[in-house]
Amino acid sequence: MRSQATWDFAQKYHGRWCRNIGCFLLFPAVVALLIIKDKNDSMTLMTTVNLIIGIVGLIFAVIITEIALRKNFDKNGNPKMED
């Protein structure tokens, strides 16, 4: 949040990661719904696993976004010049 450029970059970059993580998690969730229809215990386990994977994925996305920000911007929020 050092500058509008860093804010815009982070929002766009992180948004792409979140979309990709969501698409990745959609597949196992749908498969679980189709395969484990009537088994409450299995469904609860699958939901918990999906939630944990989602949280880990979002934490990973934050870390990746921070790395990309440091790679593309200096400490003052100014874009780094290409060599």
N, C-alpha and C. Protein backbone atom coordinates (compact mmCIF):
# COMPACT_ATOMS: atom_id res chain seq x y z
N MET A 1 0.83 -1.20 0.00
CA MET A 1 0.00 0.00 0.00
C MET A 1 0.87 1.26 0.00
N ARG A 2 2.08 1.12 -0.47
CA ARG A 2 2.99 2.27 -0.51
C ARG A 2 2.62 3.25 -1.62
N SER A 3 2.01 2.75 -2.68
CA SER A 3 1.61 3.63 -3.78
C SER A 3 0.41 3.01 -4.49
N GLN A 4 -0.23 3.78 -5.32
CA GLN A 4 -1.36 3.27 -6.09
C GLN A 4 -0.90 2.16 -7.04
N ALA A 5 0.33 2.31 -7.56
CA ALA A 5 0.85 1.29 -8.49
C ALA A 5 1.03 -0.06 -7.78
N THR A 6 1.57 -0.04 -6.56
CA THR A 6 1.75 -1.30 -5.84
C THR A 6 0.40 -1.90 -5.46
N TRP A 7 -0.53 -1.04 -5.08
CA TRP A 7 -1.88 -1.51 -4.72
C TRP A 7 -2.55 -2.19 -5.91
N ASP A 8 -2.52 -1.51 -7.06
CA ASP A 8 -3.15 -2.06 -8.26
C ASP A 8 -2.49 -3.37 -8.68
N PHE A 9 -1.16 -3.40 -8.64
CA PHE A 9 -0.42 -4.61 -9.00
C PHE A 9 -0.81 -5.77 -8.08
N ALA A 10 -0.81 -5.51 -6.77
CA ALA A 10 -1.11 -6.57 -5.80
C ALA A 10 -2.54 -7.08 -5.96
N GLN A 11 -3.49 -6.20 -6.18
CA GLN A 11 -4.88 -6.61 -6.34
C GLN A 11 -5.06 -7.50 -7.56
N LYS A 12 -4.44 -7.10 -8.66
CA LYS A 12 -4.56 -7.88 -9.90
C LYS A 12 -3.84 -9.22 -9.77
N TYR A 13 -2.63 -9.20 -9.24
CA TYR A 13 -1.82 -10.41 -9.11
C TYR A 13 -2.47 -11.39 -8.15
N HIS A 14 -2.87 -10.91 -6.98
CA HIS A 14 -3.49 -11.77 -5.97
C HIS A 14 -4.84 -12.30 -6.46
N GLY A 15 -5.58 -11.46 -7.17
CA GLY A 15 -6.87 -11.88 -7.71
C GLY A 15 -6.74 -13.06 -8.65
N ARG A 16 -5.69 -13.04 -9.48
CA ARG A 16 -5.46 -14.16 -10.40
C ARG A 16 -5.16 -15.44 -9.62
N TRP A 17 -4.33 -15.34 -8.59
CA TRP A 17 -4.01 -16.51 -7.77
C TRP A 17 -5.25 -17.06 -7.09
N CYS A 18 -6.08 -16.16 -6.54
CA CYS A 18 -7.30 -16.62 -5.86
C CYS A 18 -8.25 -17.29 -6.83
N ARG A 19 -8.38 -16.75 -8.03
CA ARG A 19 -9.23 -17.38 -9.04
C ARG A 19 -8.72 -18.77 -9.38
N ASN A 20 -7.42 -18.90 -9.57
CA ASN A 20 -6.83 -20.20 -9.91
C ASN A 20 -7.02 -21.21 -8.78
N ILE A 21 -6.83 -20.76 -7.55
CA ILE A 21 -7.03 -21.64 -6.40
C ILE A 21 -8.49 -22.07 -6.32
N GLY A 22 -9.40 -21.14 -6.55
CA GLY A 22 -10.82 -21.46 -6.53
C GLY A 22 -11.20 -22.48 -7.60
N CYS A 23 -10.65 -22.31 -8.79
CA CYS A 23 -10.90 -23.27 -9.87
C CYS A 23 -10.34 -24.64 -9.52
N PHE A 24 -9.15 -24.65 -8.91
CA PHE A 24 -8.54 -25.90 -8.50
C PHE A 24 -9.40 -26.61 -7.45
N LEU A 25 -9.94 -25.88 -6.50
CA LEU A 25 -10.73 -26.47 -5.43
C LEU A 25 -12.14 -26.86 -5.88
N LEU A 26 -12.62 -26.25 -6.94
CA LEU A 26 -13.95 -26.58 -7.44
C LEU A 26 -14.02 -28.03 -7.90
N PHE A 27 -12.99 -28.50 -8.57
CA PHE A 27 -13.00 -29.85 -9.11
C PHE A 27 -13.15 -30.91 -8.02
N PRO A 28 -12.28 -30.93 -6.98
CA PRO A 28 -12.47 -31.96 -5.96
C PRO A 28 -13.77 -31.80 -5.19
N ALA A 29 -14.26 -30.58 -5.04
CA ALA A 29 -15.53 -30.38 -4.34
C ALA A 29 -16.69 -31.00 -5.11
N VAL A 30 -16.72 -30.78 -6.42
CA VAL A 30 -17.78 -31.34 -7.25
C VAL A 30 -17.68 -32.87 -7.30
N VAL A 31 -16.47 -33.37 -7.43
CA VAL A 31 -16.27 -34.82 -7.45
C VAL A 31 -16.75 -35.43 -6.13
N ALA A 32 -16.39 -34.79 -5.03
CA ALA A 32 -16.82 -35.29 -3.72
C ALA A 32 -18.34 -35.28 -3.61
N LEU A 33 -18.97 -34.25 -4.11
CA LEU A 33 -20.44 -34.19 -4.05
C LEU A 33 -21.08 -35.31 -4.87
N LEU A 34 -20.49 -35.62 -6.01
CA LEU A 34 -21.06 -36.66 -6.86
C LEU A 34 -20.79 -38.07 -6.32
N ILE A 35 -19.62 -38.27 -5.73
CA ILE A 35 -19.25 -39.60 -5.25
C ILE A 35 -19.82 -39.87 -3.86
N ILE A 36 -19.71 -38.90 -2.97
CA ILE A 36 -20.09 -39.10 -1.56
C ILE A 36 -21.39 -38.34 -1.29
N LYS A 37 -22.48 -38.82 -1.81
CA LYS A 37 -23.75 -38.10 -1.69
C LYS A 37 -24.37 -38.23 -0.31
N ASP A 38 -24.48 -39.44 0.20
CA ASP A 38 -25.28 -39.68 1.39
C ASP A 38 -24.47 -40.00 2.64
N LYS A 39 -23.18 -39.87 2.57
CA LYS A 39 -22.35 -40.22 3.72
C LYS A 39 -21.92 -38.95 4.44
N ASN A 40 -22.58 -38.65 5.55
CA ASN A 40 -22.32 -37.41 6.27
C ASN A 40 -20.88 -37.30 6.77
N ASP A 41 -20.36 -38.38 7.34
CA ASP A 41 -18.99 -38.34 7.87
C ASP A 41 -17.98 -38.05 6.77
N SER A 42 -18.12 -38.70 5.65
CA SER A 42 -17.20 -38.50 4.53
C SER A 42 -17.33 -37.10 3.97
N MET A 43 -18.56 -36.59 3.91
CA MET A 43 -18.78 -35.25 3.39
C MET A 43 -18.17 -34.20 4.32
N THR A 44 -18.30 -34.41 5.62
CA THR A 44 -17.71 -33.49 6.58
C THR A 44 -16.20 -33.50 6.45
N LEU A 45 -15.61 -34.69 6.30
CA LEU A 45 -14.17 -34.80 6.12
C LEU A 45 -13.73 -34.10 4.85
N MET A 46 -14.43 -34.33 3.76
CA MET A 46 -14.07 -33.70 2.49
C MET A 46 -14.19 -32.19 2.56
N THR A 47 -15.23 -31.70 3.22
CA THR A 47 -15.41 -30.26 3.38
C THR A 47 -14.26 -29.67 4.20
N THR A 48 -13.89 -30.36 5.27
CA THR A 48 -12.78 -29.90 6.10
C THR A 48 -11.47 -29.88 5.33
N VAL A 49 -11.21 -30.93 4.58
CA VAL A 49 -9.99 -30.99 3.77
C VAL A 49 -9.99 -29.88 2.73
N ASN A 50 -11.11 -29.67 2.07
CA ASN A 50 -11.23 -28.62 1.06
C ASN A 50 -10.99 -27.24 1.69
N LEU A 51 -11.53 -27.02 2.88
CA LEU A 51 -11.36 -25.76 3.59
C LEU A 51 -9.89 -25.54 3.95
N ILE A 52 -9.25 -26.57 4.46
CA ILE A 52 -7.83 -26.46 4.83
C ILE A 52 -6.97 -26.16 3.60
N ILE A 53 -7.24 -26.87 2.51
CA ILE A 53 -6.49 -26.63 1.27
C ILE A 53 -6.73 -25.19 0.80
N GLY A 54 -7.95 -24.71 0.91
CA GLY A 54 -8.27 -23.34 0.51
C GLY A 54 -7.52 -22.31 1.34
N ILE A 55 -7.49 -22.52 2.65
CA ILE A 55 -6.79 -21.58 3.53
C ILE A 55 -5.29 -21.59 3.24
N VAL A 56 -4.72 -22.77 3.09
CA VAL A 56 -3.29 -22.88 2.76
C VAL A 56 -3.02 -22.22 1.41
N GLY A 57 -3.91 -22.44 0.46
CA GLY A 57 -3.76 -21.82 -0.86
C GLY A 57 -3.80 -20.31 -0.80
N LEU A 58 -4.68 -19.75 0.01
CA LEU A 58 -4.76 -18.30 0.13
C LEU A 58 -3.53 -17.72 0.83
N ILE A 59 -3.04 -18.42 1.85
CA ILE A 59 -1.80 -17.98 2.51
C ILE A 59 -0.65 -18.02 1.51
N PHE A 60 -0.59 -19.08 0.71
CA PHE A 60 0.43 -19.19 -0.33
C PHE A 60 0.31 -18.04 -1.33
N ALA A 61 -0.92 -17.68 -1.70
CA ALA A 61 -1.13 -16.59 -2.65
C ALA A 61 -0.63 -15.26 -2.08
N VAL A 62 -0.83 -15.04 -0.78
CA VAL A 62 -0.33 -13.81 -0.15
C VAL A 62 1.19 -13.78 -0.20
N ILE A 63 1.82 -14.90 0.11
CA ILE A 63 3.28 -14.97 0.10
C ILE A 63 3.82 -14.72 -1.31
N ILE A 64 3.22 -15.37 -2.29
CA ILE A 64 3.64 -15.20 -3.69
C ILE A 64 3.45 -13.75 -4.14
N THR A 65 2.36 -13.13 -3.73
CA THR A 65 2.10 -11.73 -4.08
C THR A 65 3.15 -10.82 -3.46
N GLU A 66 3.50 -11.06 -2.21
CA GLU A 66 4.54 -10.25 -1.55
C GLU A 66 5.88 -10.40 -2.25
N ILE A 67 6.21 -11.62 -2.67
CA ILE A 67 7.46 -11.84 -3.39
C ILE A 67 7.44 -11.08 -4.72
N ALA A 68 6.32 -11.13 -5.42
CA ALA A 68 6.20 -10.42 -6.70
C ALA A 68 6.30 -8.90 -6.49
N LEU A 69 5.71 -8.40 -5.40
CA LEU A 69 5.81 -6.97 -5.12
C LEU A 69 7.26 -6.57 -4.89
N ARG A 70 7.98 -7.35 -4.10
CA ARG A 70 9.39 -7.04 -3.82
C ARG A 70 10.24 -7.13 -5.08
N LYS A 71 9.85 -8.02 -5.97
CA LYS A 71 10.60 -8.19 -7.22
C LYS A 71 10.37 -7.02 -8.18
N ASN A 72 9.15 -6.46 -8.15
CA ASN A 72 8.78 -5.43 -9.13
C ASN A 72 8.81 -4.00 -8.61
N PHE A 73 8.88 -3.82 -7.27
CA PHE A 73 8.84 -2.47 -6.69
C PHE A 73 9.92 -2.33 -5.63
N ASP A 74 10.42 -1.08 -5.45
CA ASP A 74 11.38 -0.85 -4.37
C ASP A 74 10.64 -0.61 -3.06
N LYS A 75 11.38 -0.31 -1.99
CA LYS A 75 10.77 -0.16 -0.67
C LYS A 75 9.84 1.04 -0.57
N ASN A 76 9.99 2.00 -1.49
CA ASN A 76 9.13 3.19 -1.49
C ASN A 76 7.90 3.03 -2.37
N GLY A 77 7.77 1.89 -3.02
CA GLY A 77 6.62 1.65 -3.88
C GLY A 77 6.81 2.09 -5.31
N ASN A 78 8.04 2.43 -5.68
CA ASN A 78 8.33 2.83 -7.05
C ASN A 78 8.71 1.61 -7.87
N PRO A 79 8.24 1.55 -9.12
CA PRO A 79 8.58 0.39 -9.96
C PRO A 79 10.09 0.30 -10.15
N LYS A 80 10.61 -0.92 -10.09
CA LYS A 80 12.05 -1.13 -10.35
C LYS A 80 12.29 -1.04 -11.83
N MET A 81 13.42 -0.50 -12.17
CA MET A 81 13.78 -0.36 -13.58
C MET A 81 14.34 -1.68 -14.09
N GLU A 82 14.01 -2.02 -15.32
CA GLU A 82 14.53 -3.23 -15.97
C GLU A 82 15.99 -3.00 -16.32
N ASP A 83 16.83 -4.03 -16.15
CA ASP A 83 18.24 -3.90 -16.51
C ASP A 83 18.46 -4.16 -17.97
